[in-house]
Amino acid sequence: MADLYIYYQVREADAAALQAVVTAMQAELASRHGVVGQLKRRPEAKDGVQTWMEVYPATAAGFAAALDVAVAGAGMSAWITGPRHTEVFLDVIPCA
């Protein structure tokens, strides 16, 4: 299982529209894949642009591909400035 952290930028003027799209997309992903996503943003904006982050904990193999399909289907690129950046983190297994 892997945790996905995806960050990107959005213009403040587009934030409300994008929030509605991401919220609906995350609800659909939760229904289909059982992964409850989180949506966060940095507290400050720079030059009218906010940085947002989607977090998907404990995802199974194949979820990243399903997320890419959902993002494309939701048309998120219309509200995002620049690319989406994905980071993958794994749990650290304690040493015996």
PDB file of N, CA and C in Angstrom:
ATOM      1  N   MET A   1       0.844  -1.186   0.000  1.00  0.00           N
ATOM      2  CA  MET A   1       0.000   0.000   0.000  1.00  0.00           C
ATOM      3  C   MET A   1       0.890   1.251   0.000  1.00  0.00           C
ATOM      4  N   ALA A   2       0.474   2.227  -0.763  1.00  0.00           N
ATOM      5  CA  ALA A   2       1.229   3.469  -0.877  1.00  0.00           C
ATOM      6  C   ALA A   2       0.304   4.655  -0.622  1.00  0.00           C
ATOM      7  N   ASP A   3       0.877   5.711  -0.067  1.00  0.00           N
ATOM      8  CA  ASP A   3       0.157   6.973   0.091  1.00  0.00           C
ATOM      9  C   ASP A   3       0.562   7.881  -1.057  1.00  0.00           C
ATOM     10  N   LEU A   4      -0.417   8.503  -1.708  1.00  0.00           N
ATOM     11  CA  LEU A   4      -0.153   9.427  -2.808  1.00  0.00           C
ATOM     12  C   LEU A   4      -0.382  10.856  -2.341  1.00  0.00           C
ATOM     13  N   TYR A   5       0.557  11.724  -2.676  1.00  0.00           N
ATOM     14  CA  TYR A   5       0.464  13.155  -2.398  1.00  0.00           C
ATOM     15  C   TYR A   5       0.615  13.862  -3.730  1.00  0.00           C
ATOM     16  N   ILE A   6      -0.428  14.579  -4.138  1.00  0.00           N
ATOM     17  CA  ILE A   6      -0.417  15.253  -5.433  1.00  0.00           C
ATOM     18  C   ILE A   6      -0.608  16.747  -5.191  1.00  0.00           C
ATOM     19  N   TYR A   7       0.341  17.536  -5.659  1.00  0.00           N
ATOM     20  CA  TYR A   7       0.203  18.980  -5.459  1.00  0.00           C
ATOM     21  C   TYR A   7       0.240  19.699  -6.800  1.00  0.00           C
ATOM     22  N   TYR A   8      -0.413  20.868  -6.805  1.00  0.00           N
ATOM     23  CA  TYR A   8      -0.534  21.661  -8.023  1.00  0.00           C
ATOM     24  C   TYR A   8      -0.975  23.064  -7.634  1.00  0.00           C
ATOM     25  N   GLN A   9      -1.023  23.948  -8.615  1.00  0.00           N
ATOM     26  CA  GLN A   9      -1.408  25.333  -8.349  1.00  0.00           C
ATOM     27  C   GLN A   9      -2.710  25.680  -9.050  1.00  0.00           C
ATOM     28  N   VAL A  10      -3.441  26.585  -8.420  1.00  0.00           N
ATOM     29  CA  VAL A  10      -4.718  27.053  -8.964  1.00  0.00           C
ATOM     30  C   VAL A  10      -4.835  28.564  -8.686  1.00  0.00           C
ATOM     31  N   ARG A  11      -5.354  29.272  -9.671  1.00  0.00           N
ATOM     32  CA  ARG A  11      -5.600  30.705  -9.473  1.00  0.00           C
ATOM     33  C   ARG A  11      -6.725  30.885  -8.448  1.00  0.00           C
ATOM     34  N   GLU A  12      -6.582  31.870  -7.595  1.00  0.00           N
ATOM     35  CA  GLU A  12      -7.605  32.125  -6.565  1.00  0.00           C
ATOM     36  C   GLU A  12      -8.991  32.298  -7.185  1.00  0.00           C
ATOM     37  N   ALA A  13      -9.056  32.912  -8.350  1.00  0.00           N
ATOM     38  CA  ALA A  13     -10.340  33.135  -9.008  1.00  0.00           C
ATOM     39  C   ALA A  13     -11.006  31.821  -9.424  1.00  0.00           C
ATOM     40  N   ASP A  14     -10.229  30.754  -9.585  1.00  0.00           N
ATOM     41  CA  ASP A  14     -10.755  29.457 -10.007  1.00  0.00           C
ATOM     42  C   ASP A  14     -10.932  28.466  -8.858  1.00  0.00           C
ATOM     43  N   ALA A  15     -10.582  28.873  -7.649  1.00  0.00           N
ATOM     44  CA  ALA A  15     -10.550  27.951  -6.514  1.00  0.00           C
ATOM     45  C   ALA A  15     -11.916  27.322  -6.215  1.00  0.00           C
ATOM     46  N   ALA A  16     -12.967  28.091  -6.198  1.00  0.00           N
ATOM     47  CA  ALA A  16     -14.294  27.549  -5.861  1.00  0.00           C
ATOM     48  C   ALA A  16     -14.754  26.529  -6.901  1.00  0.00           C
ATOM     49  N   ALA A  17     -14.541  26.836  -8.162  1.00  0.00           N
ATOM     50  CA  ALA A  17     -14.937  25.897  -9.223  1.00  0.00           C
ATOM     51  C   ALA A  17     -14.127  24.610  -9.140  1.00  0.00           C
ATOM     52  N   LEU A  18     -12.837  24.725  -8.918  1.00  0.00           N
ATOM     53  CA  LEU A  18     -11.990  23.540  -8.819  1.00  0.00           C
ATOM     54  C   LEU A  18     -12.347  22.715  -7.589  1.00  0.00           C
ATOM     55  N   GLN A  19     -12.646  23.371  -6.483  1.00  0.00           N
ATOM     56  CA  GLN A  19     -13.015  22.638  -5.269  1.00  0.00           C
ATOM     57  C   GLN A  19     -14.233  21.751  -5.516  1.00  0.00           C
ATOM     58  N   ALA A  20     -15.210  22.273  -6.211  1.00  0.00           N
ATOM     59  CA  ALA A  20     -16.408  21.482  -6.504  1.00  0.00           C
ATOM     60  C   ALA A  20     -16.063  20.268  -7.365  1.00  0.00           C
ATOM     61  N   VAL A  21     -15.192  20.450  -8.341  1.00  0.00           N
ATOM     62  CA  VAL A  21     -14.799  19.363  -9.232  1.00  0.00           C
ATOM     63  C   VAL A  21     -14.007  18.296  -8.473  1.00  0.00           C
ATOM     64  N   VAL A  22     -13.032  18.730  -7.668  1.00  0.00           N
ATOM     65  CA  VAL A  22     -12.195  17.777  -6.926  1.00  0.00           C
ATOM     66  C   VAL A  22     -13.031  17.027  -5.894  1.00  0.00           C
ATOM     67  N   THR A  23     -13.921  17.721  -5.208  1.00  0.00           N
ATOM     68  CA  THR A  23     -14.769  17.069  -4.206  1.00  0.00           C
ATOM     69  C   THR A  23     -15.626  15.984  -4.835  1.00  0.00           C
ATOM     70  N   ALA A  24     -16.220  16.271  -5.984  1.00  0.00           N
ATOM     71  CA  ALA A  24     -17.037  15.274  -6.675  1.00  0.00           C
ATOM     72  C   ALA A  24     -16.182  14.104  -7.153  1.00  0.00           C
ATOM     73  N   MET A  25     -14.997  14.394  -7.676  1.00  0.00           N
ATOM     74  CA  MET A  25     -14.109  13.342  -8.147  1.00  0.00           C
ATOM     75  C   MET A  25     -13.675  12.444  -6.992  1.00  0.00           C
ATOM     76  N   GLN A  26     -13.333  13.041  -5.868  1.00  0.00           N
ATOM     77  CA  GLN A  26     -12.907  12.247  -4.713  1.00  0.00           C
ATOM     78  C   GLN A  26     -14.042  11.388  -4.170  1.00  0.00           C
ATOM     79  N   ALA A  27     -15.251  11.888  -4.203  1.00  0.00           N
ATOM     80  CA  ALA A  27     -16.402  11.088  -3.753  1.00  0.00           C
ATOM     81  C   ALA A  27     -16.590   9.877  -4.652  1.00  0.00           C
ATOM     82  N   GLU A  28     -16.431  10.066  -5.950  1.00  0.00           N
ATOM     83  CA  GLU A  28     -16.552   8.957  -6.891  1.00  0.00           C
ATOM     84  C   GLU A  28     -15.427   7.938  -6.692  1.00  0.00           C
ATOM     85  N   LEU A  29     -14.208   8.412  -6.482  1.00  0.00           N
ATOM     86  CA  LEU A  29     -13.087   7.508  -6.226  1.00  0.00           C
ATOM     87  C   LEU A  29     -13.300   6.719  -4.936  1.00  0.00           C
ATOM     88  N   ALA A  30     -13.832   7.366  -3.912  1.00  0.00           N
ATOM     89  CA  ALA A  30     -14.101   6.674  -2.650  1.00  0.00           C
ATOM     90  C   ALA A  30     -15.143   5.585  -2.854  1.00  0.00           C
ATOM     91  N   SER A  31     -16.161   5.889  -3.643  1.00  0.00           N
ATOM     92  CA  SER A  31     -17.213   4.921  -3.912  1.00  0.00           C
ATOM     93  C   SER A  31     -16.686   3.727  -4.699  1.00  0.00           C
ATOM     94  N   ARG A  32     -15.872   3.980  -5.695  1.00  0.00           N
ATOM     95  CA  ARG A  32     -15.384   2.909  -6.578  1.00  0.00           C
ATOM     96  C   ARG A  32     -14.197   2.133  -6.021  1.00  0.00           C
ATOM     97  N   HIS A  33     -13.316   2.838  -5.277  1.00  0.00           N
ATOM     98  CA  HIS A  33     -12.055   2.221  -4.868  1.00  0.00           C
ATOM     99  C   HIS A  33     -11.869   2.140  -3.354  1.00  0.00           C
ATOM    100  N   GLY A  34     -12.760   2.731  -2.596  1.00  0.00           N
ATOM    101  CA  GLY A  34     -12.652   2.682  -1.143  1.00  0.00           C
ATOM    102  C   GLY A  34     -11.534   3.537  -0.573  1.00  0.00           C
ATOM    103  N   VAL A  35     -11.003   4.455  -1.364  1.00  0.00           N
ATOM    104  CA  VAL A  35      -9.939   5.349  -0.903  1.00  0.00           C
ATOM    105  C   VAL A  35     -10.540   6.727  -0.656  1.00  0.00           C
ATOM    106  N   VAL A  36     -10.492   7.168   0.581  1.00  0.00           N
ATOM    107  CA  VAL A  36     -11.051   8.474   0.934  1.00  0.00           C
ATOM    108  C   VAL A  36      -9.949   9.519   0.821  1.00  0.00           C
ATOM    109  N   GLY A  37     -10.090  10.390  -0.164  1.00  0.00           N
ATOM    110  CA  GLY A  37      -9.089  11.417  -0.400  1.00  0.00           C
ATOM    111  C   GLY A  37      -9.299  12.630   0.492  1.00  0.00           C
ATOM    112  N   GLN A  38      -8.229  13.370   0.647  1.00  0.00           N
ATOM    113  CA  GLN A  38      -8.265  14.633   1.386  1.00  0.00           C
ATOM    114  C   GLN A  38      -7.856  15.746   0.425  1.00  0.00           C
ATOM    115  N   LEU A  39      -8.366  16.938   0.652  1.00  0.00           N
ATOM    116  CA  LEU A  39      -7.998  18.099  -0.153  1.00  0.00           C
ATOM    117  C   LEU A  39      -7.491  19.176   0.791  1.00  0.00           C
ATOM    118  N   LYS A  40      -6.284  19.653   0.520  1.00  0.00           N
ATOM    119  CA  LYS A  40      -5.648  20.658   1.379  1.00  0.00           C
ATOM    120  C   LYS A  40      -5.073  21.767   0.512  1.00  0.00           C
ATOM    121  N   ARG A  41      -4.737  22.882   1.169  1.00  0.00           N
ATOM    122  CA  ARG A  41      -4.034  23.950   0.457  1.00  0.00           C
ATOM    123  C   ARG A  41      -3.127  24.680   1.414  1.00  0.00           C
ATOM    124  N   ARG A  42      -2.114  25.305   0.873  1.00  0.00           N
ATOM    125  CA  ARG A  42      -1.248  26.146   1.710  1.00  0.00           C
ATOM    126  C   ARG A  42      -2.064  27.346   2.177  1.00  0.00           C
ATOM    127  N   PRO A  43      -1.759  27.864   3.358  1.00  0.00           N
ATOM    128  CA  PRO A  43      -2.564  28.977   3.880  1.00  0.00           C
ATOM    129  C   PRO A  43      -2.380  30.290   3.118  1.00  0.00           C
ATOM    130  N   GLU A  44      -1.246  30.452   2.460  1.00  0.00           N
ATOM    131  CA  GLU A  44      -1.001  31.705   1.758  1.00  0.00           C
ATOM    132  C   GLU A  44      -1.061  31.489   0.244  1.00  0.00           C
ATOM    133  N   ALA A  45      -1.368  32.575  -0.435  1.00  0.00           N
ATOM    134  CA  ALA A  45      -1.323  32.570  -1.904  1.00  0.00           C
ATOM    135  C   ALA A  45      -0.162  33.459  -2.328  1.00  0.00           C
ATOM    136  N   LYS A  46       0.394  33.178  -3.485  1.00  0.00           N
ATOM    137  CA  LYS A  46       1.482  33.997  -4.014  1.00  0.00           C
ATOM    138  C   LYS A  46       1.090  34.463  -5.400  1.00  0.00           C
ATOM    139  N   ASP A  47       1.029  35.761  -5.578  1.00  0.00           N
ATOM    140  CA  ASP A  47       0.665  36.350  -6.870  1.00  0.00           C
ATOM    141  C   ASP A  47      -0.686  35.839  -7.374  1.00  0.00           C
ATOM    142  N   GLY A  48      -1.639  35.667  -6.445  1.00  0.00           N
ATOM    143  CA  GLY A  48      -2.981  35.240  -6.818  1.00  0.00           C
ATOM    144  C   GLY A  48      -3.112  33.762  -7.112  1.00  0.00           C
ATOM    145  N   VAL A  49      -2.099  32.974  -6.739  1.00  0.00           N
ATOM    146  CA  VAL A  49      -2.106  31.538  -7.004  1.00  0.00           C
ATOM    147  C   VAL A  49      -1.956  30.777  -5.689  1.00  0.00           C
ATOM    148  N   GLN A  50      -2.796  29.769  -5.503  1.00  0.00           N
ATOM    149  CA  GLN A  50      -2.746  28.909  -4.327  1.00  0.00           C
ATOM    150  C   GLN A  50      -2.082  27.583  -4.703  1.00  0.00           C
ATOM    151  N   THR A  51      -1.465  26.934  -3.730  1.00  0.00           N
ATOM    152  CA  THR A  51      -0.949  25.575  -3.913  1.00  0.00           C
ATOM    153  C   THR A  51      -1.870  24.627  -3.172  1.00  0.00           C
ATOM    154  N   TRP A  52      -2.370  23.645  -3.887  1.00  0.00           N
ATOM    155  CA  TRP A  52      -3.290  22.645  -3.330  1.00  0.00           C
ATOM    156  C   TRP A  52      -2.628  21.288  -3.296  1.00  0.00           C
ATOM    157  N   MET A  53      -3.141  20.428  -2.420  1.00  0.00           N
ATOM    158  CA  MET A  53      -2.648  19.063  -2.333  1.00  0.00           C
ATOM    159  C   MET A  53      -3.805  18.103  -2.136  1.00  0.00           C
ATOM    160  N   GLU A  54      -3.786  17.036  -2.909  1.00  0.00           N
ATOM    161  CA  GLU A  54      -4.697  15.916  -2.695  1.00  0.00           C
ATOM    162  C   GLU A  54      -3.885  14.813  -2.022  1.00  0.00           C
ATOM    163  N   VAL A  55      -4.481  14.172  -1.015  1.00  0.00           N
ATOM    164  CA  VAL A  55      -3.823  13.083  -0.305  1.00  0.00           C
ATOM    165  C   VAL A  55      -4.719  11.856  -0.401  1.00  0.00           C
ATOM    166  N   TYR A  56      -4.125  10.739  -0.808  1.00  0.00           N
ATOM    167  CA  TYR A  56      -4.845   9.469  -0.911  1.00  0.00           C
ATOM    168  C   TYR A  56      -4.056   8.425  -0.118  1.00  0.00           C
ATOM    169  N   PRO A  57      -4.498   8.107   1.100  1.00  0.00           N
ATOM    170  CA  PRO A  57      -3.751   7.172   1.938  1.00  0.00           C
ATOM    171  C   PRO A  57      -4.050   5.711   1.600  1.00  0.00           C
ATOM    172  N   ALA A  58      -3.050   4.883   1.802  1.00  0.00           N
ATOM    173  CA  ALA A  58      -3.183   3.431   1.717  1.00  0.00           C
ATOM    174  C   ALA A  58      -3.845   2.978   0.415  1.00  0.00           C
ATOM    175  N   THR A  59      -3.273   3.395  -0.703  1.00  0.00           N
ATOM    176  CA  THR A  59      -3.836   3.019  -2.001  1.00  0.00           C
ATOM    177  C   THR A  59      -3.259   1.693  -2.473  1.00  0.00           C
ATOM    178  N   ALA A  60      -4.063   0.923  -3.156  1.00  0.00           N
ATOM    179  CA  ALA A  60      -3.641  -0.361  -3.711  1.00  0.00           C
ATOM    180  C   ALA A  60      -3.021  -0.154  -5.093  1.00  0.00           C
ATOM    181  N   ALA A  61      -2.372  -1.174  -5.575  1.00  0.00           N
ATOM    182  CA  ALA A  61      -1.808  -1.142  -6.925  1.00  0.00           C
ATOM    183  C   ALA A  61      -2.927  -0.824  -7.918  1.00  0.00           C
ATOM    184  N   GLY A  62      -2.636   0.032  -8.866  1.00  0.00           N
ATOM    185  CA  GLY A  62      -3.616   0.399  -9.876  1.00  0.00           C
ATOM    186  C   GLY A  62      -4.410   1.654  -9.555  1.00  0.00           C
ATOM    187  N   PHE A  63      -4.367   2.109  -8.303  1.00  0.00           N
ATOM    188  CA  PHE A  63      -5.156   3.295  -7.956  1.00  0.00           C
ATOM    189  C   PHE A  63      -4.636   4.538  -8.677  1.00  0.00           C
ATOM    190  N   ALA A  64      -3.323   4.677  -8.807  1.00  0.00           N
ATOM    191  CA  ALA A  64      -2.768   5.871  -9.469  1.00  0.00           C
ATOM    192  C   ALA A  64      -3.287   5.991 -10.895  1.00  0.00           C
ATOM    193  N   ALA A  65      -3.402   4.868 -11.594  1.00  0.00           N
ATOM    194  CA  ALA A  65      -3.938   4.899 -12.962  1.00  0.00           C
ATOM    195  C   ALA A  65      -5.407   5.296 -12.953  1.00  0.00           C
ATOM    196  N   ALA A  66      -6.170   4.774 -11.990  1.00  0.00           N
ATOM    197  CA  ALA A  66      -7.585   5.146 -11.876  1.00  0.00           C
ATOM    198  C   ALA A  66      -7.727   6.627 -11.549  1.00  0.00           C
ATOM    199  N   LEU A  67      -6.829   7.155 -10.742  1.00  0.00           N
ATOM    200  CA  LEU A  67      -6.842   8.582 -10.416  1.00  0.00           C
ATOM    201  C   LEU A  67      -6.565   9.419 -11.657  1.00  0.00           C
ATOM    202  N   ASP A  68      -5.592   9.014 -12.456  1.00  0.00           N
ATOM    203  CA  ASP A  68      -5.293   9.744 -13.695  1.00  0.00           C
ATOM    204  C   ASP A  68      -6.507   9.795 -14.617  1.00  0.00           C
ATOM    205  N   VAL A  69      -7.223   8.696 -14.734  1.00  0.00           N
ATOM    206  CA  VAL A  69      -8.439   8.644 -15.564  1.00  0.00           C
ATOM    207  C   VAL A  69      -9.503   9.581 -14.994  1.00  0.00           C
ATOM    208  N   ALA A  70      -9.659   9.575 -13.663  1.00  0.00           N
ATOM    209  CA  ALA A  70     -10.659  10.431 -13.013  1.00  0.00           C
ATOM    210  C   ALA A  70     -10.326  11.909 -13.203  1.00  0.00           C
ATOM    211  N   VAL A  71      -9.055  12.263 -13.088  1.00  0.00           N
ATOM    212  CA  VAL A  71      -8.621  13.658 -13.266  1.00  0.00           C
ATOM    213  C   VAL A  71      -8.918  14.119 -14.692  1.00  0.00           C
ATOM    214  N   ALA A  72      -8.586  13.279 -15.662  1.00  0.00           N
ATOM    215  CA  ALA A  72      -8.852  13.635 -17.059  1.00  0.00           C
ATOM    216  C   ALA A  72     -10.351  13.756 -17.309  1.00  0.00           C
ATOM    217  N   GLY A  73     -11.123  12.824 -16.771  1.00  0.00           N
ATOM    218  CA  GLY A  73     -12.573  12.852 -16.954  1.00  0.00           C
ATOM    219  C   GLY A  73     -13.239  14.048 -16.302  1.00  0.00           C
ATOM    220  N   ALA A  74     -12.657  14.527 -15.204  1.00  0.00           N
ATOM    221  CA  ALA A  74     -13.208  15.688 -14.506  1.00  0.00           C
ATOM    222  C   ALA A  74     -12.823  17.000 -15.182  1.00  0.00           C
ATOM    223  N   GLY A  75     -11.878  16.962 -16.105  1.00  0.00           N
ATOM    224  CA  GLY A  75     -11.452  18.180 -16.793  1.00  0.00           C
ATOM    225  C   GLY A  75     -10.707  19.155 -15.905  1.00  0.00           C
ATOM    226  N   MET A  76      -9.978  18.631 -14.930  1.00  0.00           N
ATOM    227  CA  MET A  76      -9.299  19.501 -13.959  1.00  0.00           C
ATOM    228  C   MET A  76      -8.282  20.439 -14.581  1.00  0.00           C
ATOM    229  N   SER A  77      -7.717  20.067 -15.716  1.00  0.00           N
ATOM    230  CA  SER A  77      -6.684  20.907 -16.324  1.00  0.00           C
ATOM    231  C   SER A  77      -7.201  22.302 -16.674  1.00  0.00           C
ATOM    232  N   ALA A  78      -8.506  22.465 -16.782  1.00  0.00           N
ATOM    233  CA  ALA A  78      -9.080  23.783 -17.082  1.00  0.00           C
ATOM    234  C   ALA A  78      -8.866  24.776 -15.945  1.00  0.00           C
ATOM    235  N   TRP A  79      -8.668  24.274 -14.723  1.00  0.00           N
ATOM    236  CA  TRP A  79      -8.526  25.153 -13.552  1.00  0.00           C
ATOM    237  C   TRP A  79      -7.142  25.127 -12.935  1.00  0.00           C
ATOM    238  N   ILE A  80      -6.286  24.238 -13.385  1.00  0.00           N
ATOM    239  CA  ILE A  80      -4.963  24.104 -12.779  1.00  0.00           C
ATOM    240  C   ILE A  80      -3.941  24.879 -13.599  1.00  0.00           C
ATOM    241  N   THR A  81      -3.033  25.535 -12.887  1.00  0.00           N
ATOM    242  CA  THR A  81      -1.943  26.252 -13.520  1.00  0.00           C
ATOM    243  C   THR A  81      -0.701  25.360 -13.459  1.00  0.00           C
ATOM    244  N   GLY A  82      -0.243  24.886 -14.592  1.00  0.00           N
ATOM    245  CA  GLY A  82       0.937  24.022 -14.617  1.00  0.00           C
ATOM    246  C   GLY A  82       0.572  22.570 -14.360  1.00  0.00           C
ATOM    247  N   PRO A  83       1.592  21.745 -14.153  1.00  0.00           N
ATOM    248  CA  PRO A  83       1.362  20.301 -14.001  1.00  0.00           C
ATOM    249  C   PRO A  83       0.964  19.899 -12.578  1.00  0.00           C
ATOM    250  N   ARG A  84       0.419  18.691 -12.470  1.00  0.00           N
ATOM    251  CA  ARG A  84       0.203  18.036 -11.183  1.00  0.00           C
ATOM    252  C   ARG A  84       1.480  17.254 -10.869  1.00  0.00           C
ATOM    253  N   HIS A  85       1.938  17.349  -9.637  1.00  0.00           N
ATOM    254  CA  HIS A  85       3.143  16.644  -9.208  1.00  0.00           C
ATOM    255  C   HIS A  85       2.731  15.563  -8.223  1.00  0.00           C
ATOM    256  N   THR A  86       3.135  14.328  -8.482  1.00  0.00           N
ATOM    257  CA  THR A  86       2.762  13.214  -7.619  1.00  0.00           C
ATOM    258  C   THR A  86       3.975  12.701  -6.863  1.00  0.00           C
ATOM    259  N   GLU A  87       3.806  12.543  -5.565  1.00  0.00           N
ATOM    260  CA  GLU A  87       4.815  11.929  -4.700  1.00  0.00           C
ATOM    261  C   GLU A  87       4.198  10.685  -4.090  1.00  0.00           C
ATOM    262  N   VAL A  88       4.964   9.608  -3.997  1.00  0.00           N
ATOM    263  CA  VAL A  88       4.513   8.351  -3.437  1.00  0.00           C
ATOM    264  C   VAL A  88       5.334   8.039  -2.193  1.00  0.00           C
ATOM    265  N   PHE A  89       4.654   7.713  -1.097  1.00  0.00           N
ATOM    266  CA  PHE A  89       5.337   7.351   0.147  1.00  0.00           C
ATOM    267  C   PHE A  89       4.829   6.010   0.626  1.00  0.00           C
ATOM    268  N   LEU A  90       5.751   5.220   1.173  1.00  0.00           N
ATOM    269  CA  LEU A  90       5.431   3.907   1.739  1.00  0.00           C
ATOM    270  C   LEU A  90       5.646   3.934   3.239  1.00  0.00           C
ATOM    271  N   ASP A  91       4.918   3.094   3.966  1.00  0.00           N
ATOM    272  CA  ASP A  91       5.148   2.964   5.395  1.00  0.00           C
ATOM    273  C   ASP A  91       6.527   2.376   5.637  1.00  0.00           C
ATOM    274  N   VAL A  92       7.169   2.824   6.689  1.00  0.00           N
ATOM    275  CA  VAL A  92       8.457   2.267   7.087  1.00  0.00           C
ATOM    276  C   VAL A  92       8.176   1.039   7.934  1.00  0.00           C
ATOM    277  N   ILE A  93       8.745  -0.086   7.543  1.00  0.00           N
ATOM    278  CA  ILE A  93       8.557  -1.332   8.268  1.00  0.00           C
ATOM    279  C   ILE A  93       9.556  -1.362   9.421  1.00  0.00           C
ATOM    280  N   PRO A  94       9.086  -1.532  10.644  1.00  0.00           N
ATOM    281  CA  PRO A  94      10.016  -1.563  11.782  1.00  0.00           C
ATOM    282  C   PRO A  94      10.991  -2.734  11.669  1.00  0.00           C
ATOM    283  N   CYS A  95      12.200  -2.498  12.092  1.00  0.00           N
ATOM    284  CA  CYS A  95      13.209  -3.563  12.123  1.00  0.00           C
ATOM    285  C   CYS A  95      12.908  -4.500  13.292  1.00  0.00           C
ATOM    286  N   ALA A  96      13.181  -5.770  13.099  1.00  0.00           N
ATOM    287  CA  ALA A  96      12.906  -6.763  14.150  1.00  0.00           C
ATOM    288  C   ALA A  96      13.938  -6.717  15.240  1.00  0.00           C
TER     289      ALA A  96
END
